[in-house]
Amino acid sequence: MSDAVTVIALLLVAVAATAAVLVRDPARQALVLSVLGLALAVLFTVLQAPDVALSQLAVGSALTPLLLLLSVRKTRRKRRPGEPEQPGRSGRQGRAG
């Protein structure tokens, strides 16, 4: 029984880590990072490391994603009417010169 729970926790961590890498939007990355922190806390609990699990829960699931979300919010500026979504990109692709 214990081995099955460990394998399930490891698979959950692998799926969450893969999702964190594949997500492109920084705000969504922070949310997926929070899910990854929660999955790691579950894994540490299954591996009988409750002190590490509590630290991971506090820092990896709450504090780090919160700081990332606040940083993303602070660095994004409000768009003006007529301004492109991503400054610096003209929307033209494949043209040389």
PDB file of N, CA and C in Angstrom:
ATOM      1  N   MET A   1       0.825  -1.200   0.000  1.00  0.00           N
ATOM      2  CA  MET A   1       0.000   0.000   0.000  1.00  0.00           C
ATOM      3  C   MET A   1       0.862   1.255   0.000  1.00  0.00           C
ATOM      4  N   SER A   2       1.902   1.264   0.812  1.00  0.00           N
ATOM      5  CA  SER A   2       2.761   2.436   0.918  1.00  0.00           C
ATOM      6  C   SER A   2       3.494   2.712  -0.392  1.00  0.00           C
ATOM      7  N   ASP A   3       3.913   1.645  -1.077  1.00  0.00           N
ATOM      8  CA  ASP A   3       4.601   1.832  -2.350  1.00  0.00           C
ATOM      9  C   ASP A   3       3.679   2.444  -3.397  1.00  0.00           C
ATOM     10  N   ALA A   4       2.436   2.050  -3.404  1.00  0.00           N
ATOM     11  CA  ALA A   4       1.479   2.582  -4.366  1.00  0.00           C
ATOM     12  C   ALA A   4       1.246   4.071  -4.119  1.00  0.00           C
ATOM     13  N   VAL A   5       1.145   4.475  -2.866  1.00  0.00           N
ATOM     14  CA  VAL A   5       0.942   5.884  -2.535  1.00  0.00           C
ATOM     15  C   VAL A   5       2.166   6.697  -2.934  1.00  0.00           C
ATOM     16  N   THR A   6       3.349   6.150  -2.737  1.00  0.00           N
ATOM     17  CA  THR A   6       4.581   6.829  -3.121  1.00  0.00           C
ATOM     18  C   THR A   6       4.654   7.015  -4.633  1.00  0.00           C
ATOM     19  N   VAL A   7       4.296   5.982  -5.376  1.00  0.00           N
ATOM     20  CA  VAL A   7       4.310   6.073  -6.839  1.00  0.00           C
ATOM     21  C   VAL A   7       3.299   7.105  -7.321  1.00  0.00           C
ATOM     22  N   ILE A   8       2.118   7.130  -6.721  1.00  0.00           N
ATOM     23  CA  ILE A   8       1.102   8.112  -7.106  1.00  0.00           C
ATOM     24  C   ILE A   8       1.591   9.532  -6.810  1.00  0.00           C
ATOM     25  N   ALA A   9       2.230   9.732  -5.653  1.00  0.00           N
ATOM     26  CA  ALA A   9       2.752  11.047  -5.303  1.00  0.00           C
ATOM     27  C   ALA A   9       3.865  11.458  -6.267  1.00  0.00           C
ATOM     28  N   LEU A  10       4.719  10.533  -6.634  1.00  0.00           N
ATOM     29  CA  LEU A  10       5.784  10.835  -7.595  1.00  0.00           C
ATOM     30  C   LEU A  10       5.218  11.189  -8.966  1.00  0.00           C
ATOM     31  N   LEU A  11       4.185  10.478  -9.394  1.00  0.00           N
ATOM     32  CA  LEU A  11       3.555  10.794 -10.674  1.00  0.00           C
ATOM     33  C   LEU A  11       2.898  12.170 -10.633  1.00  0.00           C
ATOM     34  N   LEU A  12       2.285  12.499  -9.513  1.00  0.00           N
ATOM     35  CA  LEU A  12       1.667  13.817  -9.352  1.00  0.00           C
ATOM     36  C   LEU A  12       2.712  14.927  -9.449  1.00  0.00           C
ATOM     37  N   VAL A  13       3.857  14.711  -8.824  1.00  0.00           N
ATOM     38  CA  VAL A  13       4.951  15.695  -8.899  1.00  0.00           C
ATOM     39  C   VAL A  13       5.467  15.808 -10.332  1.00  0.00           C
ATOM     40  N   ALA A  14       5.615  14.681 -11.017  1.00  0.00           N
ATOM     41  CA  ALA A  14       6.111  14.706 -12.395  1.00  0.00           C
ATOM     42  C   ALA A  14       5.151  15.449 -13.320  1.00  0.00           C
ATOM     43  N   VAL A  15       3.857  15.219 -13.155  1.00  0.00           N
ATOM     44  CA  VAL A  15       2.866  15.898 -13.996  1.00  0.00           C
ATOM     45  C   VAL A  15       2.858  17.398 -13.708  1.00  0.00           C
ATOM     46  N   ALA A  16       2.908  17.768 -12.431  1.00  0.00           N
ATOM     47  CA  ALA A  16       2.891  19.188 -12.068  1.00  0.00           C
ATOM     48  C   ALA A  16       4.162  19.895 -12.548  1.00  0.00           C
ATOM     49  N   ALA A  17       5.305  19.240 -12.447  1.00  0.00           N
ATOM     50  CA  ALA A  17       6.560  19.847 -12.907  1.00  0.00           C
ATOM     51  C   ALA A  17       6.564  20.015 -14.425  1.00  0.00           C
ATOM     52  N   THR A  18       6.051  19.031 -15.136  1.00  0.00           N
ATOM     53  CA  THR A  18       5.958  19.131 -16.588  1.00  0.00           C
ATOM     54  C   THR A  18       5.023  20.271 -16.993  1.00  0.00           C
ATOM     55  N   ALA A  19       3.906  20.389 -16.292  1.00  0.00           N
ATOM     56  CA  ALA A  19       2.963  21.469 -16.588  1.00  0.00           C
ATOM     57  C   ALA A  19       3.599  22.830 -16.312  1.00  0.00           C
ATOM     58  N   ALA A  20       4.389  22.927 -15.251  1.00  0.00           N
ATOM     59  CA  ALA A  20       5.045  24.197 -14.925  1.00  0.00           C
ATOM     60  C   ALA A  20       6.030  24.608 -16.014  1.00  0.00           C
ATOM     61  N   VAL A  21       6.655  23.640 -16.639  1.00  0.00           N
ATOM     62  CA  VAL A  21       7.610  23.944 -17.701  1.00  0.00           C
ATOM     63  C   VAL A  21       6.892  24.324 -18.998  1.00  0.00           C
ATOM     64  N   LEU A  22       5.767  23.700 -19.271  1.00  0.00           N
ATOM     65  CA  LEU A  22       5.085  23.908 -20.543  1.00  0.00           C
ATOM     66  C   LEU A  22       4.217  25.155 -20.599  1.00  0.00           C
ATOM     67  N   VAL A  23       3.793  25.663 -19.458  1.00  0.00           N
ATOM     68  CA  VAL A  23       2.932  26.846 -19.437  1.00  0.00           C
ATOM     69  C   VAL A  23       3.763  28.069 -19.813  1.00  0.00           C
ATOM     70  N   ARG A  24       3.214  28.926 -20.682  1.00  0.00           N
ATOM     71  CA  ARG A  24       3.978  30.066 -21.195  1.00  0.00           C
ATOM     72  C   ARG A  24       3.685  31.377 -20.465  1.00  0.00           C
ATOM     73  N   ASP A  25       2.478  31.557 -19.960  1.00  0.00           N
ATOM     74  CA  ASP A  25       2.087  32.802 -19.303  1.00  0.00           C
ATOM     75  C   ASP A  25       2.669  32.842 -17.883  1.00  0.00           C
ATOM     76  N   PRO A  26       3.389  33.905 -17.525  1.00  0.00           N
ATOM     77  CA  PRO A  26       4.011  33.957 -16.197  1.00  0.00           C
ATOM     78  C   PRO A  26       3.020  33.870 -15.037  1.00  0.00           C
ATOM     79  N   ALA A  27       1.843  34.449 -15.186  1.00  0.00           N
ATOM     80  CA  ALA A  27       0.858  34.367 -14.100  1.00  0.00           C
ATOM     81  C   ALA A  27       0.375  32.930 -13.923  1.00  0.00           C
ATOM     82  N   ARG A  28       0.139  32.248 -15.019  1.00  0.00           N
ATOM     83  CA  ARG A  28      -0.273  30.839 -14.927  1.00  0.00           C
ATOM     84  C   ARG A  28       0.869  29.968 -14.420  1.00  0.00           C
ATOM     85  N   GLN A  29       2.092  30.319 -14.783  1.00  0.00           N
ATOM     86  CA  GLN A  29       3.242  29.569 -14.278  1.00  0.00           C
ATOM     87  C   GLN A  29       3.308  29.642 -12.760  1.00  0.00           C
ATOM     88  N   ALA A  30       3.015  30.796 -12.206  1.00  0.00           N
ATOM     89  CA  ALA A  30       3.029  30.942 -10.752  1.00  0.00           C
ATOM     90  C   ALA A  30       1.964  30.061 -10.108  1.00  0.00           C
ATOM     91  N   LEU A  31       0.800  29.983 -10.729  1.00  0.00           N
ATOM     92  CA  LEU A  31      -0.258  29.133 -10.184  1.00  0.00           C
ATOM     93  C   LEU A  31       0.103  27.658 -10.287  1.00  0.00           C
ATOM     94  N   VAL A  32       0.688  27.264 -11.409  1.00  0.00           N
ATOM     95  CA  VAL A  32       1.105  25.867 -11.561  1.00  0.00           C
ATOM     96  C   VAL A  32       2.249  25.556 -10.601  1.00  0.00           C
ATOM     97  N   LEU A  33       3.111  26.531 -10.358  1.00  0.00           N
ATOM     98  CA  LEU A  33       4.181  26.349  -9.382  1.00  0.00           C
ATOM     99  C   LEU A  33       3.614  26.111  -7.985  1.00  0.00           C
ATOM    100  N   SER A  34       2.518  26.753  -7.683  1.00  0.00           N
ATOM    101  CA  SER A  34       1.854  26.525  -6.402  1.00  0.00           C
ATOM    102  C   SER A  34       1.332  25.090  -6.305  1.00  0.00           C
ATOM    103  N   VAL A  35       0.761  24.594  -7.396  1.00  0.00           N
ATOM    104  CA  VAL A  35       0.289  23.200  -7.422  1.00  0.00           C
ATOM    105  C   VAL A  35       1.469  22.239  -7.284  1.00  0.00           C
ATOM    106  N   LEU A  36       2.580  22.563  -7.930  1.00  0.00           N
ATOM    107  CA  LEU A  36       3.784  21.735  -7.798  1.00  0.00           C
ATOM    108  C   LEU A  36       4.275  21.719  -6.355  1.00  0.00           C
ATOM    109  N   GLY A  37       4.254  22.865  -5.692  1.00  0.00           N
ATOM    110  CA  GLY A  37       4.652  22.910  -4.292  1.00  0.00           C
ATOM    111  C   GLY A  37       3.751  22.063  -3.415  1.00  0.00           C
ATOM    112  N   LEU A  38       2.467  22.072  -3.711  1.00  0.00           N
ATOM    113  CA  LEU A  38       1.524  21.242  -2.965  1.00  0.00           C
ATOM    114  C   LEU A  38       1.793  19.762  -3.214  1.00  0.00           C
ATOM    115  N   ALA A  39       2.069  19.403  -4.464  1.00  0.00           N
ATOM    116  CA  ALA A  39       2.382  18.007  -4.779  1.00  0.00           C
ATOM    117  C   ALA A  39       3.666  17.557  -4.082  1.00  0.00           C
ATOM    118  N   LEU A  40       4.652  18.438  -4.027  1.00  0.00           N
ATOM    119  CA  LEU A  40       5.891  18.095  -3.317  1.00  0.00           C
ATOM    120  C   LEU A  40       5.650  17.941  -1.819  1.00  0.00           C
ATOM    121  N   ALA A  41       4.780  18.781  -1.262  1.00  0.00           N
ATOM    122  CA  ALA A  41       4.451  18.648   0.160  1.00  0.00           C
ATOM    123  C   ALA A  41       3.785  17.308   0.430  1.00  0.00           C
ATOM    124  N   VAL A  42       2.912  16.880  -0.478  1.00  0.00           N
ATOM    125  CA  VAL A  42       2.274  15.557  -0.327  1.00  0.00           C
ATOM    126  C   VAL A  42       3.324  14.462  -0.408  1.00  0.00           C
ATOM    127  N   LEU A  43       4.244  14.581  -1.359  1.00  0.00           N
ATOM    128  CA  LEU A  43       5.311  13.581  -1.500  1.00  0.00           C
ATOM    129  C   LEU A  43       6.165  13.506  -0.245  1.00  0.00           C
ATOM    130  N   PHE A  44       6.541  14.655   0.305  1.00  0.00           N
ATOM    131  CA  PHE A  44       7.353  14.653   1.520  1.00  0.00           C
ATOM    132  C   PHE A  44       6.595  14.041   2.694  1.00  0.00           C
ATOM    133  N   THR A  45       5.297  14.251   2.743  1.00  0.00           N
ATOM    134  CA  THR A  45       4.494  13.646   3.800  1.00  0.00           C
ATOM    135  C   THR A  45       4.466  12.132   3.647  1.00  0.00           C
ATOM    136  N   VAL A  46       4.296  11.671   2.414  1.00  0.00           N
ATOM    137  CA  VAL A  46       4.286  10.224   2.158  1.00  0.00           C
ATOM    138  C   VAL A  46       5.635   9.616   2.508  1.00  0.00           C
ATOM    139  N   LEU A  47       6.710  10.352   2.269  1.00  0.00           N
ATOM    140  CA  LEU A  47       8.050   9.857   2.577  1.00  0.00           C
ATOM    141  C   LEU A  47       8.437  10.072   4.041  1.00  0.00           C
ATOM    142  N   GLN A  48       7.468  10.423   4.866  1.00  0.00           N
ATOM    143  CA  GLN A  48       7.624  10.580   6.312  1.00  0.00           C
ATOM    144  C   GLN A  48       8.623  11.678   6.681  1.00  0.00           C
ATOM    145  N   ALA A  49       8.471  12.813   6.026  1.00  0.00           N
ATOM    146  CA  ALA A  49       9.264  13.990   6.356  1.00  0.00           C
ATOM    147  C   ALA A  49       8.307  15.166   6.575  1.00  0.00           C
ATOM    148  N   PRO A  50       7.559  15.139   7.689  1.00  0.00           N
ATOM    149  CA  PRO A  50       6.531  16.173   7.890  1.00  0.00           C
ATOM    150  C   PRO A  50       7.100  17.576   8.069  1.00  0.00           C
ATOM    151  N   ASP A  51       8.293  17.695   8.648  1.00  0.00           N
ATOM    152  CA  ASP A  51       8.882  19.023   8.823  1.00  0.00           C
ATOM    153  C   ASP A  51       9.230  19.654   7.472  1.00  0.00           C
ATOM    154  N   VAL A  52       9.776  18.850   6.571  1.00  0.00           N
ATOM    155  CA  VAL A  52      10.086  19.336   5.231  1.00  0.00           C
ATOM    156  C   VAL A  52       8.792  19.643   4.474  1.00  0.00           C
ATOM    157  N   ALA A  53       7.769  18.818   4.675  1.00  0.00           N
ATOM    158  CA  ALA A  53       6.482  19.031   4.011  1.00  0.00           C
ATOM    159  C   ALA A  53       5.851  20.355   4.453  1.00  0.00           C
ATOM    160  N   LEU A  54       5.928  20.658   5.744  1.00  0.00           N
ATOM    161  CA  LEU A  54       5.369  21.926   6.221  1.00  0.00           C
ATOM    162  C   LEU A  54       6.131  23.121   5.666  1.00  0.00           C
ATOM    163  N   SER A  55       7.438  23.006   5.593  1.00  0.00           N
ATOM    164  CA  SER A  55       8.238  24.089   5.017  1.00  0.00           C
ATOM    165  C   SER A  55       7.907  24.269   3.542  1.00  0.00           C
ATOM    166  N   GLN A  56       7.788  23.163   2.824  1.00  0.00           N
ATOM    167  CA  GLN A  56       7.444  23.225   1.401  1.00  0.00           C
ATOM    168  C   GLN A  56       6.054  23.815   1.208  1.00  0.00           C
ATOM    169  N   LEU A  57       5.146  23.458   2.081  1.00  0.00           N
ATOM    170  CA  LEU A  57       3.784  23.983   1.986  1.00  0.00           C
ATOM    171  C   LEU A  57       3.766  25.498   2.169  1.00  0.00           C
ATOM    172  N   ALA A  58       4.530  25.975   3.134  1.00  0.00           N
ATOM    173  CA  ALA A  58       4.546  27.414   3.413  1.00  0.00           C
ATOM    174  C   ALA A  58       5.293  28.190   2.330  1.00  0.00           C
ATOM    175  N   VAL A  59       6.470  27.723   1.966  1.00  0.00           N
ATOM    176  CA  VAL A  59       7.317  28.477   1.045  1.00  0.00           C
ATOM    177  C   VAL A  59       6.984  28.160  -0.415  1.00  0.00           C
ATOM    178  N   GLY A  60       6.958  26.880  -0.774  1.00  0.00           N
ATOM    179  CA  GLY A  60       6.779  26.494  -2.168  1.00  0.00           C
ATOM    180  C   GLY A  60       5.365  26.608  -2.684  1.00  0.00           C
ATOM    181  N   SER A  61       4.388  26.478  -1.800  1.00  0.00           N
ATOM    182  CA  SER A  61       2.999  26.527  -2.258  1.00  0.00           C
ATOM    183  C   SER A  61       2.351  27.875  -2.047  1.00  0.00           C
ATOM    184  N   ALA A  62       2.869  28.675  -1.145  1.00  0.00           N
ATOM    185  CA  ALA A  62       2.207  29.941  -0.834  1.00  0.00           C
ATOM    186  C   ALA A  62       3.094  31.153  -1.107  1.00  0.00           C
ATOM    187  N   LEU A  63       4.233  31.217  -0.479  1.00  0.00           N
ATOM    188  CA  LEU A  63       5.039  32.437  -0.519  1.00  0.00           C
ATOM    189  C   LEU A  63       5.672  32.708  -1.889  1.00  0.00           C
ATOM    190  N   THR A  64       6.331  31.712  -2.458  1.00  0.00           N
ATOM    191  CA  THR A  64       7.005  31.915  -3.744  1.00  0.00           C
ATOM    192  C   THR A  64       6.023  32.257  -4.871  1.00  0.00           C
ATOM    193  N   PRO A  65       4.920  31.494  -5.045  1.00  0.00           N
ATOM    194  CA  PRO A  65       3.972  31.888  -6.091  1.00  0.00           C
ATOM    195  C   PRO A  65       3.356  33.268  -5.854  1.00  0.00           C
ATOM    196  N   LEU A  66       3.119  33.612  -4.595  1.00  0.00           N
ATOM    197  CA  LEU A  66       2.580  34.931  -4.291  1.00  0.00           C
ATOM    198  C   LEU A  66       3.552  36.032  -4.708  1.00  0.00           C
ATOM    199  N   LEU A  67       4.827  35.865  -4.389  1.00  0.00           N
ATOM    200  CA  LEU A  67       5.828  36.850  -4.789  1.00  0.00           C
ATOM    201  C   LEU A  67       5.964  36.933  -6.307  1.00  0.00           C
ATOM    202  N   LEU A  68       5.876  35.794  -6.978  1.00  0.00           N
ATOM    203  CA  LEU A  68       5.941  35.808  -8.442  1.00  0.00           C
ATOM    204  C   LEU A  68       4.740  36.529  -9.045  1.00  0.00           C
ATOM    205  N   LEU A  69       3.540  36.261  -8.514  1.00  0.00           N
ATOM    206  CA  LEU A  69       2.355  36.944  -9.019  1.00  0.00           C
ATOM    207  C   LEU A  69       2.438  38.445  -8.795  1.00  0.00           C
ATOM    208  N   LEU A  70       2.925  38.845  -7.633  1.00  0.00           N
ATOM    209  CA  LEU A  70       3.075  40.274  -7.373  1.00  0.00           C
ATOM    210  C   LEU A  70       4.114  40.903  -8.290  1.00  0.00           C
ATOM    211  N   SER A  71       5.184  40.189  -8.572  1.00  0.00           N
ATOM    212  CA  SER A  71       6.213  40.701  -9.482  1.00  0.00           C
ATOM    213  C   SER A  71       5.679  40.842 -10.901  1.00  0.00           C
ATOM    214  N   VAL A  72       4.929  39.845 -11.354  1.00  0.00           N
ATOM    215  CA  VAL A  72       4.343  39.904 -12.698  1.00  0.00           C
ATOM    216  C   VAL A  72       3.370  41.070 -12.784  1.00  0.00           C
ATOM    217  N   ARG A  73       2.565  41.236 -11.761  1.00  0.00           N
ATOM    218  CA  ARG A  73       1.597  42.335 -11.756  1.00  0.00           C
ATOM    219  C   ARG A  73       2.307  43.690 -11.770  1.00  0.00           C
ATOM    220  N   LYS A  74       3.390  43.787 -11.031  1.00  0.00           N
ATOM    221  CA  LYS A  74       4.118  45.054 -10.944  1.00  0.00           C
ATOM    222  C   LYS A  74       4.815  45.394 -12.262  1.00  0.00           C
ATOM    223  N   THR A  75       5.339  44.381 -12.951  1.00  0.00           N
ATOM    224  CA  THR A  75       6.097  44.643 -14.165  1.00  0.00           C
ATOM    225  C   THR A  75       5.228  44.832 -15.396  1.00  0.00           C
ATOM    226  N   ARG A  76       4.031  44.294 -15.377  1.00  0.00           N
ATOM    227  CA  ARG A  76       3.127  44.505 -16.517  1.00  0.00           C
ATOM    228  C   ARG A  76       2.555  45.905 -16.439  1.00  0.00           C
ATOM    229  N   ARG A  77       2.589  46.596 -17.551  1.00  0.00           N
ATOM    230  CA  ARG A  77       2.028  47.930 -17.560  1.00  0.00           C
ATOM    231  C   ARG A  77       0.695  47.905 -18.281  1.00  0.00           C
ATOM    232  N   LYS A  78      -0.113  48.878 -18.007  1.00  0.00           N
ATOM    233  CA  LYS A  78      -1.420  48.949 -18.656  1.00  0.00           C
ATOM    234  C   LYS A  78      -1.243  49.345 -20.108  1.00  0.00           C
ATOM    235  N   ARG A  79      -2.006  48.691 -20.969  1.00  0.00           N
ATOM    236  CA  ARG A  79      -1.939  49.007 -22.391  1.00  0.00           C
ATOM    237  C   ARG A  79      -2.771  50.244 -22.695  1.00  0.00           C
ATOM    238  N   ARG A  80      -2.256  51.015 -23.613  1.00  0.00           N
ATOM    239  CA  ARG A  80      -3.007  52.166 -24.115  1.00  0.00           C
ATOM    240  C   ARG A  80      -3.760  51.724 -25.363  1.00  0.00           C
ATOM    241  N   PRO A  81      -4.851  52.390 -25.689  1.00  0.00           N
ATOM    242  CA  PRO A  81      -5.583  52.022 -26.908  1.00  0.00           C
ATOM    243  C   PRO A  81      -4.685  52.132 -28.136  1.00  0.00           C
ATOM    244  N   GLY A  82      -4.699  51.110 -28.965  1.00  0.00           N
ATOM    245  CA  GLY A  82      -3.890  51.103 -30.176  1.00  0.00           C
ATOM    246  C   GLY A  82      -2.496  50.565 -29.993  1.00  0.00           C
ATOM    247  N   GLU A  83      -2.086  50.279 -28.781  1.00  0.00           N
ATOM    248  CA  GLU A  83      -0.748  49.755 -28.519  1.00  0.00           C
ATOM    249  C   GLU A  83      -0.768  48.243 -28.673  1.00  0.00           C
ATOM    250  N   PRO A  84       0.268  47.651 -29.269  1.00  0.00           N
ATOM    251  CA  PRO A  84       0.291  46.190 -29.421  1.00  0.00           C
ATOM    252  C   PRO A  84       0.371  45.499 -28.063  1.00  0.00           C
ATOM    253  N   GLU A  85      -0.046  44.223 -28.047  1.00  0.00           N
ATOM    254  CA  GLU A  85      -0.062  43.475 -26.790  1.00  0.00           C
ATOM    255  C   GLU A  85       1.332  43.295 -26.218  1.00  0.00           C
ATOM    256  N   GLN A  86       2.311  42.994 -27.061  1.00  0.00           N
ATOM    257  CA  GLN A  86       3.668  42.770 -26.596  1.00  0.00           C
ATOM    258  C   GLN A  86       4.566  43.853 -27.165  1.00  0.00           C
ATOM    259  N   PRO A  87       4.979  44.794 -26.332  1.00  0.00           N
ATOM    260  CA  PRO A  87       5.837  45.872 -26.830  1.00  0.00           C
ATOM    261  C   PRO A  87       7.131  45.307 -27.414  1.00  0.00           C
ATOM    262  N   GLY A  88       7.566  45.904 -28.515  1.00  0.00           N
ATOM    263  CA  GLY A  88       8.811  45.468 -29.125  1.00  0.00           C
ATOM    264  C   GLY A  88       8.621  44.524 -30.283  1.00  0.00           C
ATOM    265  N   ARG A  89       7.434  43.966 -30.429  1.00  0.00           N
ATOM    266  CA  ARG A  89       7.172  43.069 -31.543  1.00  0.00           C
ATOM    267  C   ARG A  89       6.224  43.777 -32.497  1.00  0.00           C
ATOM    268  N   SER A  90       6.586  43.770 -33.779  1.00  0.00           N
ATOM    269  CA  SER A  90       5.791  44.504 -34.747  1.00  0.00           C
ATOM    270  C   SER A  90       4.675  43.669 -35.347  1.00  0.00           C
ATOM    271  N   GLY A  91       4.701  42.360 -35.117  1.00  0.00           N
ATOM    272  CA  GLY A  91       3.673  41.508 -35.689  1.00  0.00           C
ATOM    273  C   GLY A  91       4.038  40.964 -37.058  1.00  0.00           C
ATOM    274  N   ARG A  92       5.094  41.507 -37.668  1.00  0.00           N
ATOM    275  CA  ARG A  92       5.546  41.005 -38.966  1.00  0.00           C
ATOM    276  C   ARG A  92       6.564  39.907 -38.729  1.00  0.00           C
ATOM    277  N   GLN A  93       6.305  38.764 -39.342  1.00  0.00           N
ATOM    278  CA  GLN A  93       7.221  37.646 -39.165  1.00  0.00           C
ATOM    279  C   GLN A  93       7.717  37.180 -40.520  1.00  0.00           C
ATOM    280  N   GLY A  94       8.929  36.738 -40.539  1.00  0.00           N
ATOM    281  CA  GLY A  94       9.479  36.138 -41.748  1.00  0.00           C
ATOM    282  C   GLY A  94      10.014  37.125 -42.766  1.00  0.00           C
ATOM    283  N   ARG A  95      10.014  38.405 -42.480  1.00  0.00           N
ATOM    284  CA  ARG A  95      10.543  39.376 -43.423  1.00  0.00           C
ATOM    285  C   ARG A  95      11.977  39.744 -43.047  1.00  0.00           C
ATOM    286  N   ALA A  96      12.823  39.758 -44.013  1.00  0.00           N
ATOM    287  CA  ALA A  96      14.206  40.163 -43.771  1.00  0.00           C
ATOM    288  C   ALA A  96      14.387  41.586 -44.307  1.00  0.00           C
ATOM    289  N   GLY A  97      15.104  42.396 -43.534  1.00  0.00           N
ATOM    290  CA  GLY A  97      15.442  43.722 -44.015  1.00  0.00           C
ATOM    291  C   GLY A  97      14.406  44.685 -43.814  1.00  0.00           C
TER     292      GLY A  97
END
